[in-house]
Protein backbone atom coordinates (compact mmCIF):
# COMPACT_ATOMS: atom_id res chain seq x y z
CA MET A 1 -30.06 -7.34 33.93
CA HIS A 2 -31.34 -5.43 37.01
CA ILE A 3 -31.15 -1.53 36.67
CA ILE A 4 -31.06 0.43 40.08
CA PRO A 5 -33.58 3.25 39.42
CA VAL A 6 -31.66 6.55 39.95
CA GLU A 7 -32.92 10.20 39.46
CA ILE A 8 -30.89 11.97 36.84
CA THR A 9 -30.81 15.49 35.91
CA VAL A 10 -30.27 16.50 32.16
CA ASN A 11 -29.28 20.04 31.41
CA MET A 12 -28.08 22.00 28.54
CA SER A 13 -24.19 22.27 29.15
CA GLY A 14 -23.85 25.59 27.15
CA ASP A 15 -21.70 23.67 24.61
CA SER A 16 -23.61 24.32 21.36
CA ASN A 17 -26.90 23.15 23.38
CA LEU A 18 -25.10 19.82 23.95
CA PRO A 19 -27.31 17.92 26.67
CA HIS A 20 -25.50 17.08 30.21
CA ILE A 21 -26.15 14.16 32.38
CA ASP A 22 -25.49 14.82 36.11
CA MET A 23 -24.04 11.44 36.80
CA PHE A 24 -20.71 10.36 37.60
CA VAL A 25 -19.61 6.93 36.14
CA ASP A 26 -17.14 4.60 38.52
CA GLU A 27 -14.85 3.19 36.01
CA LYS A 28 -14.22 0.27 37.92
CA ASN A 29 -17.99 -0.33 38.06
CA ALA A 30 -19.40 1.34 34.99
CA GLU A 31 -22.40 -1.21 33.83
CA ASP A 32 -25.30 0.30 35.44
CA SER A 33 -24.15 3.76 34.70
CA VAL A 34 -23.62 3.48 30.94
CA ILE A 35 -26.79 1.90 30.57
CA THR A 36 -28.77 4.47 32.24
CA ILE A 37 -26.94 7.23 30.13
CA ALA A 38 -27.64 4.98 26.99
CA ARG A 39 -31.38 4.83 27.84
CA MET A 40 -31.52 8.47 28.20
CA VAL A 41 -29.71 9.07 24.75
CA ARG A 42 -31.89 6.39 23.07
CA PRO A 43 -35.27 6.21 25.11
CA GLU A 44 -36.44 3.75 22.53
CA TRP A 45 -33.94 1.04 23.88
CA ASN A 46 -35.18 -1.39 26.68
CA ASP A 47 -32.84 -1.94 29.37
CA LYS A 48 -33.27 -5.62 29.40
CA ASP A 49 -31.98 -5.83 25.91
CA ILE A 50 -28.95 -3.56 26.12
CA LYS A 51 -25.59 -5.10 26.30
CA VAL A 52 -22.36 -3.58 27.28
CA LYS A 53 -18.99 -4.10 25.88
CA VAL A 54 -15.64 -2.76 27.14
CA PHE A 55 -13.05 -1.64 24.63
CA SER A 56 -9.35 -2.14 25.21
CA GLY A 57 -6.75 -0.15 23.53
CA GLY A 58 -7.28 3.30 25.46
CA ILE A 59 -4.36 4.26 27.66
CA SER A 60 -5.61 7.39 29.12
CA ASN A 61 -9.33 7.13 29.17
CA LYS A 62 -11.65 3.77 29.47
CA LEU A 63 -14.10 3.23 26.85
CA VAL A 64 -17.37 1.24 27.08
CA GLY A 65 -20.23 0.69 24.86
CA CYS A 66 -23.75 -0.26 24.64
CA TYR A 67 -25.80 -1.79 21.95
CA VAL A 68 -28.81 -3.94 21.47
CA PRO A 69 -28.42 -7.30 19.36
CA PRO A 70 -28.02 -7.84 16.84
CA ASN A 71 -26.98 -4.36 15.77
CA LYS A 72 -23.56 -4.50 16.94
CA ASP A 73 -22.20 -1.43 14.79
CA GLU A 74 -25.28 0.89 16.02
CA ILE A 75 -22.93 1.38 19.34
CA LEU A 76 -23.21 4.20 21.84
CA LEU A 77 -19.80 5.05 23.10
CA MET A 78 -19.25 6.11 26.71
CA ARG A 79 -15.80 7.52 27.21
CA ILE A 80 -15.14 7.81 30.90
CA TYR A 81 -12.21 10.25 31.41
CA GLY A 82 -9.15 8.87 33.07
CA LYS A 83 -8.07 10.57 36.56
CA LYS A 84 -6.45 13.90 36.34
CA THR A 85 -6.91 14.16 32.38
CA GLU A 86 -8.34 17.50 32.83
CA LEU A 87 -4.90 18.77 33.45
CA LEU A 88 -4.00 17.80 30.17
CA VAL A 89 -7.04 18.13 28.15
CA ASP A 90 -9.43 20.94 27.48
CA ARG A 91 -12.66 18.89 27.75
CA LYS A 92 -14.89 21.97 26.71
CA ARG A 93 -12.56 22.44 23.59
CA GLU A 94 -12.84 18.58 23.05
CA LYS A 95 -16.54 18.79 22.76
CA GLU A 96 -16.65 21.68 20.43
CA THR A 97 -14.09 19.88 18.29
CA PHE A 98 -16.49 16.73 18.22
CA GLN A 99 -19.37 19.11 16.83
CA ILE A 100 -17.33 20.86 14.36
CA LEU A 101 -15.76 17.90 12.75
CA HIS A 102 -19.17 16.04 12.73
CA LYS A 103 -20.50 19.13 11.13
CA ALA A 104 -17.81 18.76 8.54
CA GLY A 105 -18.30 15.16 7.81
CA CYS A 106 -15.05 14.30 9.53
CA GLY A 107 -16.37 12.47 12.82
CA PRO A 108 -18.86 10.66 14.72
CA LYS A 109 -21.91 12.64 16.50
CA LEU A 110 -21.61 13.86 19.82
CA HIS A 111 -24.92 13.06 21.98
CA ALA A 112 -24.24 13.96 25.42
CA SER A 113 -21.83 14.82 28.38
CA PHE A 114 -21.77 13.26 31.72
CA GLU A 115 -19.84 14.31 34.77
CA ASN A 116 -16.48 12.47 33.91
CA GLY A 117 -16.91 11.71 30.34
CA ILE A 118 -19.02 11.94 26.92
CA CYS A 119 -21.40 9.71 24.81
CA TYR A 120 -20.97 9.54 21.03
CA ASP A 121 -21.58 7.39 18.06
CA PHE A 122 -19.51 4.31 17.42
CA VAL A 123 -17.37 4.54 14.19
CA PRO A 124 -17.60 0.92 12.55
CA GLY A 125 -14.72 -0.65 11.27
CA VAL A 126 -11.18 -1.92 12.26
CA ILE A 127 -8.40 -0.13 13.81
CA LEU A 128 -5.20 -0.17 11.68
CA ASP A 129 -2.16 -2.16 12.61
CA GLU A 130 1.63 -1.87 11.97
CA LYS A 131 0.96 -4.00 8.71
CA THR A 132 -2.09 -2.49 7.39
CA VAL A 133 -0.89 1.20 7.78
CA ARG A 134 1.66 0.76 5.01
CA GLU A 135 -0.66 -0.86 2.48
CA GLU A 136 -0.89 1.47 -0.56
CA ARG A 137 -4.60 1.55 -0.60
CA ILE A 138 -4.99 2.46 3.03
CA TYR A 139 -2.05 4.88 3.43
CA LYS A 140 -3.57 6.92 0.75
CA LEU A 141 -6.90 6.95 2.55
CA VAL A 142 -5.16 8.27 5.57
CA ALA A 143 -3.43 10.88 3.76
CA HIS A 144 -6.51 12.08 1.81
CA GLU A 145 -8.60 12.29 5.30
CA MET A 146 -5.66 13.92 7.05
CA ALA A 147 -5.67 16.64 4.23
CA ARG A 148 -9.45 16.88 4.48
CA MET A 149 -9.43 17.51 8.28
CA HIS A 150 -6.39 20.20 7.79
CA LEU A 151 -8.93 22.47 5.80
CA VAL A 152 -11.57 22.37 8.35
CA GLU A 153 -12.21 25.89 9.77
CA ALA A 154 -12.54 25.49 13.40
CA ASN A 155 -11.73 29.32 14.24
CA GLY A 156 -14.67 31.12 12.76
CA GLY A 157 -12.65 31.92 9.51
CA LYS A 158 -10.01 33.65 11.62
CA ALA A 159 -6.53 33.37 10.81
CA PRO A 160 -5.09 30.90 13.08
CA SER A 161 -1.69 30.48 15.17
CA SER A 162 -0.16 27.37 16.37
CA GLU A 163 -1.11 26.29 19.91
CA LEU A 164 1.78 23.63 20.10
CA SER A 165 4.28 25.87 21.99
CA ASN A 166 1.74 26.83 24.81
CA LYS A 167 0.42 23.29 25.18
CA LEU A 168 3.96 21.73 25.36
CA ASN A 169 5.04 24.51 27.96
CA HIS A 170 1.80 23.68 29.66
CA PHE A 171 2.73 19.93 29.97
CA ILE A 172 6.22 20.63 31.21
CA SER A 173 4.85 22.85 33.91
CA LEU A 174 2.79 19.52 35.08
CA THR A 175 5.67 17.43 35.45
CA PRO A 176 6.50 16.42 39.07
CA ASP A 177 9.45 17.18 41.12
CA ARG A 178 9.32 13.70 42.38
CA PHE A 179 7.26 10.59 42.75
CA GLU A 180 6.17 9.04 46.11
CA ASP A 181 6.68 5.78 44.81
CA PRO A 182 10.52 5.07 45.65
CA LYS A 183 10.76 2.74 42.66
CA LYS A 184 9.32 5.30 40.08
CA GLN A 185 11.46 8.01 41.78
CA GLU A 186 14.59 6.21 41.48
CA ILE A 187 13.79 5.48 37.62
CA PHE A 188 12.61 9.09 37.15
CA GLU A 189 15.86 10.23 38.42
CA ARG A 190 18.06 8.15 36.71
CA ARG A 191 16.27 8.02 33.38
CA ILE A 192 14.01 11.26 32.75
CA MET A 193 15.58 14.60 31.85
CA PRO A 194 15.38 17.36 34.57
CA ARG A 195 12.39 20.20 34.09
CA SER A 196 15.22 22.26 33.37
CA GLU A 197 16.38 20.33 30.58
CA LEU A 198 13.16 20.05 29.09
CA ILE A 199 12.46 23.48 28.93
CA THR A 200 15.68 24.06 27.21
CA GLU A 201 14.98 21.19 24.60
CA ALA A 202 11.33 22.74 24.12
CA ASN A 203 12.51 26.25 23.67
CA MET A 204 15.15 24.82 21.14
CA LEU A 205 12.39 22.89 19.12
CA MET A 206 9.80 25.69 19.17
CA SER A 207 12.23 27.97 17.93
CA LEU A 208 13.28 25.88 14.95
CA VAL A 209 9.66 24.98 13.91
CA SER A 210 8.19 28.61 14.22
CA ASN A 211 10.96 29.93 11.91
CA LEU A 212 10.07 27.80 8.97
CA GLY A 213 7.15 29.92 7.63
CA LEU A 214 4.80 26.80 7.67
CA PRO A 215 0.98 27.07 7.32
CA VAL A 216 -1.07 26.25 10.56
CA VAL A 217 -4.08 24.15 10.07
CA PHE A 218 -6.68 22.13 12.14
CA SER A 219 -4.78 18.80 13.24
CA HIS A 220 -5.67 16.01 15.03
CA ASN A 221 -2.18 15.69 16.52
CA ASP A 222 -2.84 12.22 18.00
CA LEU A 223 -3.01 9.87 14.69
CA LEU A 224 -1.71 6.50 16.43
CA LEU A 225 -2.82 3.46 14.95
CA GLY A 226 -5.70 2.80 17.36
CA ASN A 227 -7.42 6.37 16.51
CA ILE A 228 -7.86 5.49 12.60
CA ILE A 229 -10.79 3.23 11.73
CA LEU A 230 -11.02 1.42 8.36
CA ASN A 231 -14.26 0.92 6.83
CA THR A 232 -13.42 -1.60 4.15
CA GLU A 233 -16.90 -1.87 2.82
CA LYS A 234 -16.95 2.21 2.18
CA SER A 235 -13.13 2.26 1.28
CA LYS A 236 -12.70 4.87 3.92
CA VAL A 237 -11.23 5.74 7.02
CA SER A 238 -11.98 7.93 9.82
CA PHE A 239 -10.08 9.51 12.89
CA ILE A 240 -11.64 9.44 16.30
CA ASP A 241 -10.65 10.69 19.69
CA TYR A 242 -10.13 14.63 19.72
CA GLU A 243 -8.39 15.20 23.01
CA TYR A 244 -5.67 16.82 21.50
CA ALA A 245 -6.97 18.50 18.48
CA MET A 246 -6.02 21.92 17.94
CA TYR A 247 -4.42 24.40 15.51
CA ASN A 248 -0.86 23.14 14.82
CA TYR A 249 1.72 23.48 12.37
CA LEU A 250 0.96 21.29 9.00
CA PRO A 251 3.70 18.80 9.07
CA TYR A 252 3.14 17.90 12.81
CA ASP A 253 0.49 15.50 12.11
CA ILE A 254 2.38 13.66 9.37
CA GLY A 255 5.73 13.43 11.51
CA ASN A 256 3.43 12.29 14.70
CA HIS A 257 1.71 9.78 12.43
CA PHE A 258 4.77 8.39 11.28
CA CYS A 259 6.03 8.20 15.08
CA GLU A 260 3.09 5.98 15.75
CA PHE A 261 3.84 3.25 12.96
CA PRO A 262 6.07 1.55 15.58
CA GLY A 263 2.89 0.89 17.86
CA ILE A 264 2.32 1.28 21.55
CA GLU A 265 2.44 -1.73 23.62
CA GLU A 266 5.27 -3.15 22.03
CA VAL A 267 7.28 -0.41 20.30
CA ASN A 268 9.58 -1.17 17.58
CA TYR A 269 11.15 1.63 16.19
CA ASP A 270 12.53 -0.40 13.14
CA LEU A 271 9.23 0.22 11.95
CA TYR A 272 9.63 3.96 11.51
CA PRO A 273 8.72 4.43 8.01
CA GLU A 274 11.85 4.71 5.54
CA ARG A 275 12.31 7.74 3.37
CA GLU A 276 11.14 6.05 0.02
CA PHE A 277 7.83 5.26 1.98
CA GLN A 278 7.70 8.55 3.43
CA LEU A 279 8.30 10.15 0.27
CA LYS A 280 5.28 8.41 -1.42
CA TRP A 281 2.94 9.48 1.75
CA ILE A 282 3.85 12.92 1.30
CA ARG A 283 3.32 13.29 -2.27
CA GLU A 284 -0.19 11.70 -2.04
CA TYR A 285 -1.16 14.15 0.98
CA LEU A 286 -0.05 17.13 -1.20
CA LYS A 287 -2.09 15.82 -4.25
CA ALA A 288 -5.00 15.46 -2.11
CA ARG A 289 -4.47 18.70 -0.29
CA TYR A 290 -4.50 20.41 -3.81
CA SER A 291 -7.33 18.71 -5.12
CA LEU A 292 -9.61 19.47 -2.13
CA GLN A 293 -8.46 23.25 -2.38
CA GLY A 294 -9.64 23.06 -6.03
CA GLU A 295 -6.12 23.81 -7.06
CA ASN A 296 -5.01 22.27 -10.62
CA LYS A 297 -1.42 21.97 -9.38
CA ALA A 298 1.20 19.24 -10.05
CA VAL A 299 3.26 18.11 -7.10
CA THR A 300 6.86 18.72 -7.68
CA ASP A 301 9.84 16.55 -6.18
CA LYS A 302 11.33 19.38 -4.67
CA GLU A 303 8.20 20.31 -2.37
CA VAL A 304 8.13 16.56 -1.61
CA GLU A 305 11.77 16.43 -0.51
CA ARG A 306 11.38 19.74 1.56
CA MET A 307 8.21 18.36 3.26
CA TYR A 308 10.32 15.32 4.04
CA ALA A 309 12.92 17.11 5.88
CA ILE A 310 10.47 19.22 7.74
CA VAL A 311 8.09 16.36 8.79
CA ASN A 312 11.06 14.63 10.38
CA LYS A 313 11.88 17.45 12.36
CA PHE A 314 8.39 17.42 13.60
CA ALA A 315 8.80 13.55 14.33
CA LEU A 316 11.34 15.07 17.11
CA VAL A 317 8.71 17.54 18.30
CA SER A 318 6.06 14.50 18.56
CA HIS A 319 8.59 12.17 20.48
CA PHE A 320 9.23 14.93 23.01
CA PHE A 321 5.87 15.96 23.37
CA TRP A 322 4.48 12.61 24.18
CA GLY A 323 7.25 12.04 26.36
CA VAL A 324 6.52 14.90 28.61
CA TRP A 325 3.06 14.08 28.61
CA SER A 326 3.74 10.46 29.80
CA ILE A 327 5.75 11.90 32.53
CA VAL A 328 2.68 13.67 33.75
CA GLN A 329 0.24 10.69 33.31
CA ALA A 330 2.82 8.50 35.42
CA CYS A 331 2.13 10.70 38.46
CA HIS A 332 -1.74 10.84 37.93
CA SER A 333 -3.25 8.01 35.85
CA THR A 334 -4.90 4.81 37.38
CA ILE A 335 -5.12 3.22 34.14
CA ASP A 336 -2.92 0.00 33.94
CA PHE A 337 -0.23 1.06 31.73
CA ASP A 338 3.41 1.82 32.41
CA PHE A 339 3.63 5.59 31.47
CA LEU A 340 6.80 6.14 32.97
CA ASP A 341 8.46 3.54 30.78
CA TYR A 342 6.60 5.17 27.77
CA ALA A 343 8.23 8.31 28.79
CA ILE A 344 11.40 7.01 28.55
CA THR A 345 10.66 4.91 25.22
CA ARG A 346 9.78 8.32 23.54
CA LEU A 347 12.44 10.70 25.18
CA ASP A 348 15.09 8.07 24.45
CA GLU A 349 14.03 7.86 20.64
CA TYR A 350 13.89 11.66 20.58
CA LYS A 351 17.61 11.75 21.74
CA ARG A 352 18.48 9.07 19.26
CA ARG A 353 17.17 10.43 16.12
CA LYS A 354 17.99 14.10 17.16
CA PRO A 355 21.38 14.54 15.53
CA ALA A 356 20.11 13.05 12.23
CA PHE A 357 16.95 14.58 11.84
CA LEU A 358 17.99 18.16 12.95
CA ALA A 359 20.80 17.79 10.25
CA LEU A 360 18.62 17.07 7.42
CA PRO A 361 18.67 20.23 4.88
CA ILE A 362 15.43 21.79 4.08
CA PRO A 363 15.53 22.73 0.21
CA GLU A 364 14.70 26.11 -0.71
């Protein structure tokens, strides 16, 4: 493969001495650029030997990997940010999260940033699917890894407060008044809540969850099946993609994860986990949390039931959060994904589940 020589400037970005490469990568013609970046991160690689692999599954960014055969697991990943995603994602915060989690043994190494993306290590393994996420040996690994991440300190030891309300209100402020595309506009007017209603619903949800006296932890907040990597040889799962990681109420990550059991491409909400499964999952999480904290404490049925009720209220928050996010993406993203349809899917499920989940009693 012929690589056109280009002059690239590398400087220190200020993000904990993370190298920054002054290069913009065209997502539609990325091959030459990502190989150039790979050679700068791995100078021992020969450009003639480097192979490029485009990964599928991302719905807000493009993911491209570089490797030298036969080492297919030693891949450098380039995440090329989707158009206008900086409106939704704090990119400086994302890079800091990468470094914090890698130091804590919870994530891959971040090597460099470039103008519209980042370069980091590939996590070998397979992503979960609608069947494997329910397997006992696997869901226990997920619960344990979530408990471990929730104990990571990313705030310099200061007492954290939840960032959920601010993030949700920010998303709502970015929702469009109308779409230029007439077809999208017709669907938008007919199927999507107006901004005033979104604000009312957000205020109700935040008032509900902020009054429950819940612990605030460092959360992933986006544990869809494609963001969980299973390494069967090591009997380990890893979480990837930290764009929306922030301090949040502990049950949000669990409720959000349960909302992802139905998938994304072909969402089937019949796959939302039933009560019995949730109780087993929550018990495993609490056992792991106590163990990791060094507490010799038995998990009681009452606290599992209490967490179950709260988790399902946070499932509502998750549906609403990602529904609003999808409205914004529908206005800006160039990724081949029907974000407006996905917004309708999440907000419709929010409205369908709302009466039952809000009515769940919380044991004292």
